Amino acid sequence: MGIVKIDDQLHEDIRRASTVMCRSINAQAEFWMKMGMLAEANPTLSFHEIVKAQMAAADIAPPASTLVA
């Protein structure tokens, strides 16, 4: 565990997003960092494809409303 220095405006953006997403500020920052890392490693995938792949890796089935018939 360490300390990461970030811009004040970015911290404010994280704080606001964390409220909307019902996450702690640290959890929101960690989510954004992980998604950014995954996006850089998989530049051809969309955000939704990355989330879907992460859910599958965690053995979590998508909600029924997202399944294609």
PDB file of N, CA and C in Angstrom:
ATOM      1  N   MET A   1       0.853  -1.173   0.000  1.00  0.00           N
ATOM      2  CA  MET A   1       0.000   0.000   0.000  1.00  0.00           C
ATOM      3  C   MET A   1       0.893   1.228   0.000  1.00  0.00           C
ATOM      4  N   GLY A   2       0.477   2.258  -0.711  1.00  0.00           N
ATOM      5  CA  GLY A   2       1.264   3.465  -0.780  1.00  0.00           C
ATOM      6  C   GLY A   2       0.381   4.683  -0.950  1.00  0.00           C
ATOM      7  N   ILE A   3       1.023   5.797  -1.054  1.00  0.00           N
ATOM      8  CA  ILE A   3       0.322   7.057  -1.253  1.00  0.00           C
ATOM      9  C   ILE A   3       0.550   7.505  -2.685  1.00  0.00           C
ATOM     10  N   VAL A   4      -0.521   7.919  -3.353  1.00  0.00           N
ATOM     11  CA  VAL A   4      -0.439   8.407  -4.718  1.00  0.00           C
ATOM     12  C   VAL A   4      -0.841   9.868  -4.720  1.00  0.00           C
ATOM     13  N   LYS A   5       0.033  10.721  -5.216  1.00  0.00           N
ATOM     14  CA  LYS A   5      -0.271  12.147  -5.294  1.00  0.00           C
ATOM     15  C   LYS A   5      -1.016  12.417  -6.598  1.00  0.00           C
ATOM     16  N   ILE A   6      -2.199  13.027  -6.481  1.00  0.00           N
ATOM     17  CA  ILE A   6      -2.983  13.360  -7.663  1.00  0.00           C
ATOM     18  C   ILE A   6      -3.402  14.819  -7.605  1.00  0.00           C
ATOM     19  N   ASP A   7      -3.744  15.349  -8.746  1.00  0.00           N
ATOM     20  CA  ASP A   7      -4.212  16.715  -8.883  1.00  0.00           C
ATOM     21  C   ASP A   7      -5.485  16.931  -8.060  1.00  0.00           C
ATOM     22  N   ASP A   8      -5.636  18.116  -7.489  1.00  0.00           N
ATOM     23  CA  ASP A   8      -6.816  18.427  -6.677  1.00  0.00           C
ATOM     24  C   ASP A   8      -8.119  18.271  -7.454  1.00  0.00           C
ATOM     25  N   GLN A   9      -8.135  18.678  -8.721  1.00  0.00           N
ATOM     26  CA  GLN A   9      -9.354  18.565  -9.516  1.00  0.00           C
ATOM     27  C   GLN A   9      -9.709  17.102  -9.773  1.00  0.00           C
ATOM     28  N   LEU A  10      -8.703  16.271 -10.029  1.00  0.00           N
ATOM     29  CA  LEU A  10      -8.953  14.849 -10.219  1.00  0.00           C
ATOM     30  C   LEU A  10      -9.510  14.236  -8.936  1.00  0.00           C
ATOM     31  N   HIS A  11      -8.974  14.633  -7.802  1.00  0.00           N
ATOM     32  CA  HIS A  11      -9.488  14.136  -6.517  1.00  0.00           C
ATOM     33  C   HIS A  11     -10.957  14.521  -6.351  1.00  0.00           C
ATOM     34  N   GLU A  12     -11.290  15.735  -6.709  1.00  0.00           N
ATOM     35  CA  GLU A  12     -12.682  16.186  -6.625  1.00  0.00           C
ATOM     36  C   GLU A  12     -13.570  15.380  -7.575  1.00  0.00           C
ATOM     37  N   ASP A  13     -13.084  15.108  -8.779  1.00  0.00           N
ATOM     38  CA  ASP A  13     -13.841  14.292  -9.734  1.00  0.00           C
ATOM     39  C   ASP A  13     -14.064  12.884  -9.184  1.00  0.00           C
ATOM     40  N   ILE A  14     -13.038  12.327  -8.564  1.00  0.00           N
ATOM     41  CA  ILE A  14     -13.160  10.993  -7.967  1.00  0.00           C
ATOM     42  C   ILE A  14     -14.171  11.021  -6.830  1.00  0.00           C
ATOM     43  N   ARG A  15     -14.109  12.045  -5.994  1.00  0.00           N
ATOM     44  CA  ARG A  15     -15.037  12.168  -4.876  1.00  0.00           C
ATOM     45  C   ARG A  15     -16.476  12.209  -5.373  1.00  0.00           C
ATOM     46  N   ARG A  16     -16.731  13.024  -6.388  1.00  0.00           N
ATOM     47  CA  ARG A  16     -18.091  13.141  -6.930  1.00  0.00           C
ATOM     48  C   ARG A  16     -18.552  11.827  -7.560  1.00  0.00           C
ATOM     49  N   ALA A  17     -17.685  11.200  -8.344  1.00  0.00           N
ATOM     50  CA  ALA A  17     -18.036   9.933  -8.978  1.00  0.00           C
ATOM     51  C   ALA A  17     -18.281   8.851  -7.930  1.00  0.00           C
ATOM     52  N   SER A  18     -17.499   8.864  -6.864  1.00  0.00           N
ATOM     53  CA  SER A  18     -17.666   7.843  -5.823  1.00  0.00           C
ATOM     54  C   SER A  18     -19.028   7.940  -5.160  1.00  0.00           C
ATOM     55  N   THR A  19     -19.548   9.152  -5.037  1.00  0.00           N
ATOM     56  CA  THR A  19     -20.879   9.340  -4.459  1.00  0.00           C
ATOM     57  C   THR A  19     -21.944   8.746  -5.376  1.00  0.00           C
ATOM     58  N   VAL A  20     -21.836   9.027  -6.667  1.00  0.00           N
ATOM     59  CA  VAL A  20     -22.804   8.515  -7.643  1.00  0.00           C
ATOM     60  C   VAL A  20     -22.752   6.998  -7.713  1.00  0.00           C
ATOM     61  N   MET A  21     -21.541   6.435  -7.692  1.00  0.00           N
ATOM     62  CA  MET A  21     -21.361   4.996  -7.870  1.00  0.00           C
ATOM     63  C   MET A  21     -21.429   4.207  -6.557  1.00  0.00           C
ATOM     64  N   CYS A  22     -21.691   4.895  -5.436  1.00  0.00           N
ATOM     65  CA  CYS A  22     -21.789   4.251  -4.113  1.00  0.00           C
ATOM     66  C   CYS A  22     -20.511   3.489  -3.760  1.00  0.00           C
ATOM     67  N   ARG A  23     -19.372   4.130  -4.045  1.00  0.00           N
ATOM     68  CA  ARG A  23     -18.071   3.560  -3.696  1.00  0.00           C
ATOM     69  C   ARG A  23     -17.349   4.555  -2.797  1.00  0.00           C
ATOM     70  N   SER A  24     -16.384   4.055  -2.048  1.00  0.00           N
ATOM     71  CA  SER A  24     -15.515   4.967  -1.320  1.00  0.00           C
ATOM     72  C   SER A  24     -14.648   5.706  -2.339  1.00  0.00           C
ATOM     73  N   ILE A  25     -14.035   6.796  -1.921  1.00  0.00           N
ATOM     74  CA  ILE A  25     -13.147   7.536  -2.813  1.00  0.00           C
ATOM     75  C   ILE A  25     -12.005   6.624  -3.269  1.00  0.00           C
ATOM     76  N   ASN A  26     -11.435   5.868  -2.347  1.00  0.00           N
ATOM     77  CA  ASN A  26     -10.342   4.963  -2.706  1.00  0.00           C
ATOM     78  C   ASN A  26     -10.805   3.884  -3.670  1.00  0.00           C
ATOM     79  N   ALA A  27     -11.989   3.321  -3.446  1.00  0.00           N
ATOM     80  CA  ALA A  27     -12.500   2.279  -4.344  1.00  0.00           C
ATOM     81  C   ALA A  27     -12.760   2.836  -5.736  1.00  0.00           C
ATOM     82  N   GLN A  28     -13.254   4.077  -5.821  1.00  0.00           N
ATOM     83  CA  GLN A  28     -13.497   4.692  -7.124  1.00  0.00           C
ATOM     84  C   GLN A  28     -12.181   4.926  -7.855  1.00  0.00           C
ATOM     85  N   ALA A  29     -11.183   5.441  -7.147  1.00  0.00           N
ATOM     86  CA  ALA A  29      -9.871   5.668  -7.760  1.00  0.00           C
ATOM     87  C   ALA A  29      -9.262   4.348  -8.216  1.00  0.00           C
ATOM     88  N   GLU A  30      -9.380   3.311  -7.395  1.00  0.00           N
ATOM     89  CA  GLU A  30      -8.851   1.995  -7.766  1.00  0.00           C
ATOM     90  C   GLU A  30      -9.571   1.448  -8.996  1.00  0.00           C
ATOM     91  N   PHE A  31     -10.881   1.616  -9.069  1.00  0.00           N
ATOM     92  CA  PHE A  31     -11.652   1.157 -10.222  1.00  0.00           C
ATOM     93  C   PHE A  31     -11.177   1.858 -11.490  1.00  0.00           C
ATOM     94  N   TRP A  32     -11.053   3.186 -11.435  1.00  0.00           N
ATOM     95  CA  TRP A  32     -10.602   3.927 -12.611  1.00  0.00           C
ATOM     96  C   TRP A  32      -9.196   3.516 -13.026  1.00  0.00           C
ATOM     97  N   MET A  33      -8.309   3.306 -12.055  1.00  0.00           N
ATOM     98  CA  MET A  33      -6.945   2.898 -12.386  1.00  0.00           C
ATOM     99  C   MET A  33      -6.930   1.512 -13.026  1.00  0.00           C
ATOM    100  N   LYS A  34      -7.701   0.592 -12.471  1.00  0.00           N
ATOM    101  CA  LYS A  34      -7.751  -0.762 -13.031  1.00  0.00           C
ATOM    102  C   LYS A  34      -8.321  -0.734 -14.439  1.00  0.00           C
ATOM    103  N   MET A  35      -9.408   0.001 -14.644  1.00  0.00           N
ATOM    104  CA  MET A  35     -10.020   0.067 -15.965  1.00  0.00           C
ATOM    105  C   MET A  35      -9.064   0.717 -16.969  1.00  0.00           C
ATOM    106  N   GLY A  36      -8.349   1.733 -16.551  1.00  0.00           N
ATOM    107  CA  GLY A  36      -7.368   2.372 -17.428  1.00  0.00           C
ATOM    108  C   GLY A  36      -6.255   1.419 -17.809  1.00  0.00           C
ATOM    109  N   MET A  37      -5.781   0.644 -16.849  1.00  0.00           N
ATOM    110  CA  MET A  37      -4.737  -0.338 -17.110  1.00  0.00           C
ATOM    111  C   MET A  37      -5.236  -1.400 -18.089  1.00  0.00           C
ATOM    112  N   LEU A  38      -6.459  -1.880 -17.867  1.00  0.00           N
ATOM    113  CA  LEU A  38      -7.034  -2.883 -18.765  1.00  0.00           C
ATOM    114  C   LEU A  38      -7.284  -2.316 -20.159  1.00  0.00           C
ATOM    115  N   ALA A  39      -7.708  -1.060 -20.237  1.00  0.00           N
ATOM    116  CA  ALA A  39      -7.945  -0.422 -21.539  1.00  0.00           C
ATOM    117  C   ALA A  39      -6.632  -0.276 -22.308  1.00  0.00           C
ATOM    118  N   GLU A  40      -5.564   0.092 -21.624  1.00  0.00           N
ATOM    119  CA  GLU A  40      -4.264   0.203 -22.298  1.00  0.00           C
ATOM    120  C   GLU A  40      -3.778  -1.162 -22.782  1.00  0.00           C
ATOM    121  N   ALA A  41      -4.035  -2.198 -22.002  1.00  0.00           N
ATOM    122  CA  ALA A  41      -3.591  -3.540 -22.364  1.00  0.00           C
ATOM    123  C   ALA A  41      -4.463  -4.164 -23.453  1.00  0.00           C
ATOM    124  N   ASN A  42      -5.687  -3.639 -23.613  1.00  0.00           N
ATOM    125  CA  ASN A  42      -6.650  -4.190 -24.584  1.00  0.00           C
ATOM    126  C   ASN A  42      -7.283  -3.055 -25.388  1.00  0.00           C
ATOM    127  N   PRO A  43      -6.500  -2.366 -26.217  1.00  0.00           N
ATOM    128  CA  PRO A  43      -6.988  -1.166 -26.890  1.00  0.00           C
ATOM    129  C   PRO A  43      -8.134  -1.379 -27.880  1.00  0.00           C
ATOM    130  N   THR A  44      -8.370  -2.612 -28.284  1.00  0.00           N
ATOM    131  CA  THR A  44      -9.458  -2.855 -29.237  1.00  0.00           C
ATOM    132  C   THR A  44     -10.797  -3.130 -28.554  1.00  0.00           C
ATOM    133  N   LEU A  45     -10.790  -3.276 -27.227  1.00  0.00           N
ATOM    134  CA  LEU A  45     -12.022  -3.572 -26.496  1.00  0.00           C
ATOM    135  C   LEU A  45     -12.691  -2.292 -26.007  1.00  0.00           C
ATOM    136  N   SER A  46     -14.025  -2.293 -26.002  1.00  0.00           N
ATOM    137  CA  SER A  46     -14.775  -1.172 -25.433  1.00  0.00           C
ATOM    138  C   SER A  46     -14.817  -1.328 -23.912  1.00  0.00           C
ATOM    139  N   PHE A  47     -15.245  -0.275 -23.249  1.00  0.00           N
ATOM    140  CA  PHE A  47     -15.417  -0.322 -21.793  1.00  0.00           C
ATOM    141  C   PHE A  47     -16.325  -1.490 -21.409  1.00  0.00           C
ATOM    142  N   HIS A  48     -17.441  -1.623 -22.108  1.00  0.00           N
ATOM    143  CA  HIS A  48     -18.409  -2.673 -21.784  1.00  0.00           C
ATOM    144  C   HIS A  48     -17.827  -4.064 -22.018  1.00  0.00           C
ATOM    145  N   GLU A  49     -17.008  -4.215 -23.039  1.00  0.00           N
ATOM    146  CA  GLU A  49     -16.370  -5.507 -23.284  1.00  0.00           C
ATOM    147  C   GLU A  49     -15.369  -5.835 -22.179  1.00  0.00           C
ATOM    148  N   ILE A  50     -14.661  -4.832 -21.700  1.00  0.00           N
ATOM    149  CA  ILE A  50     -13.713  -5.043 -20.602  1.00  0.00           C
ATOM    150  C   ILE A  50     -14.463  -5.449 -19.341  1.00  0.00           C
ATOM    151  N   VAL A  51     -15.548  -4.755 -19.033  1.00  0.00           N
ATOM    152  CA  VAL A  51     -16.346  -5.095 -17.844  1.00  0.00           C
ATOM    153  C   VAL A  51     -16.901  -6.509 -17.976  1.00  0.00           C
ATOM    154  N   LYS A  52     -17.423  -6.841 -19.143  1.00  0.00           N
ATOM    155  CA  LYS A  52     -17.983  -8.177 -19.379  1.00  0.00           C
ATOM    156  C   LYS A  52     -16.911  -9.248 -19.179  1.00  0.00           C
ATOM    157  N   ALA A  53     -15.707  -9.011 -19.683  1.00  0.00           N
ATOM    158  CA  ALA A  53     -14.613  -9.974 -19.529  1.00  0.00           C
ATOM    159  C   ALA A  53     -14.216 -10.115 -18.060  1.00  0.00           C
ATOM    160  N   GLN A  54     -14.193  -9.012 -17.331  1.00  0.00           N
ATOM    161  CA  GLN A  54     -13.854  -9.061 -15.908  1.00  0.00           C
ATOM    162  C   GLN A  54     -14.924  -9.810 -15.116  1.00  0.00           C
ATOM    163  N   MET A  55     -16.180  -9.600 -15.465  1.00  0.00           N
ATOM    164  CA  MET A  55     -17.278 -10.316 -14.799  1.00  0.00           C
ATOM    165  C   MET A  55     -17.167 -11.815 -15.083  1.00  0.00           C
ATOM    166  N   ALA A  56     -16.877 -12.171 -16.329  1.00  0.00           N
ATOM    167  CA  ALA A  56     -16.719 -13.578 -16.688  1.00  0.00           C
ATOM    168  C   ALA A  56     -15.539 -14.200 -15.942  1.00  0.00           C
ATOM    169  N   ALA A  57     -14.443 -13.451 -15.815  1.00  0.00           N
ATOM    170  CA  ALA A  57     -13.269 -13.953 -15.106  1.00  0.00           C
ATOM    171  C   ALA A  57     -13.575 -14.195 -13.626  1.00  0.00           C
ATOM    172  N   ALA A  58     -14.523 -13.417 -13.088  1.00  0.00           N
ATOM    173  CA  ALA A  58     -14.936 -13.587 -11.696  1.00  0.00           C
ATOM    174  C   ALA A  58     -16.074 -14.596 -11.571  1.00  0.00           C
ATOM    175  N   ASP A  59     -16.433 -15.232 -12.691  1.00  0.00           N
ATOM    176  CA  ASP A  59     -17.508 -16.235 -12.744  1.00  0.00           C
ATOM    177  C   ASP A  59     -18.851 -15.645 -12.316  1.00  0.00           C
ATOM    178  N   ILE A  60     -19.109 -14.429 -12.795  1.00  0.00           N
ATOM    179  CA  ILE A  60     -20.374 -13.757 -12.539  1.00  0.00           C
ATOM    180  C   ILE A  60     -21.134 -13.676 -13.860  1.00  0.00           C
ATOM    181  N   ALA A  61     -22.331 -14.239 -13.877  1.00  0.00           N
ATOM    182  CA  ALA A  61     -23.153 -14.235 -15.092  1.00  0.00           C
ATOM    183  C   ALA A  61     -23.772 -12.853 -15.282  1.00  0.00           C
ATOM    184  N   PRO A  62     -23.894 -12.408 -16.518  1.00  0.00           N
ATOM    185  CA  PRO A  62     -24.550 -11.104 -16.761  1.00  0.00           C
ATOM    186  C   PRO A  62     -26.036 -11.196 -16.419  1.00  0.00           C
ATOM    187  N   PRO A  63     -26.653 -10.067 -16.079  1.00  0.00           N
ATOM    188  CA  PRO A  63     -28.095 -10.083 -15.815  1.00  0.00           C
ATOM    189  C   PRO A  63     -28.847 -10.603 -17.024  1.00  0.00           C
ATOM    190  N   ALA A  64     -30.001 -11.205 -16.805  1.00  0.00           N
ATOM    191  CA  ALA A  64     -30.789 -11.802 -17.880  1.00  0.00           C
ATOM    192  C   ALA A  64     -31.130 -10.805 -18.971  1.00  0.00           C
ATOM    193  N   SER A  65     -31.305  -9.536 -18.628  1.00  0.00           N
ATOM    194  CA  SER A  65     -31.704  -8.536 -19.624  1.00  0.00           C
ATOM    195  C   SER A  65     -30.608  -8.268 -20.651  1.00  0.00           C
ATOM    196  N   THR A  66     -29.359  -8.675 -20.397  1.00  0.00           N
ATOM    197  CA  THR A  66     -28.275  -8.438 -21.334  1.00  0.00           C
ATOM    198  C   THR A  66     -27.971  -9.659 -22.194  1.00  0.00           C
ATOM    199  N   LEU A  67     -28.660 -10.758 -21.955  1.00  0.00           N
ATOM    200  CA  LEU A  67     -28.415 -11.959 -22.734  1.00  0.00           C
ATOM    201  C   LEU A  67     -29.103 -11.858 -24.084  1.00  0.00           C
ATOM    202  N   VAL A  68     -28.427 -12.306 -25.123  1.00  0.00           N
ATOM    203  CA  VAL A  68     -28.991 -12.299 -26.465  1.00  0.00           C
ATOM    204  C   VAL A  68     -29.757 -13.594 -26.666  1.00  0.00           C
ATOM    205  N   ALA A  69     -30.961 -13.476 -27.189  1.00  0.00           N
ATOM    206  CA  ALA A  69     -31.805 -14.666 -27.374  1.00  0.00           C
ATOM    207  C   ALA A  69     -31.397 -15.455 -28.589  1.00  0.00           C
TER     208      ALA A  69
END
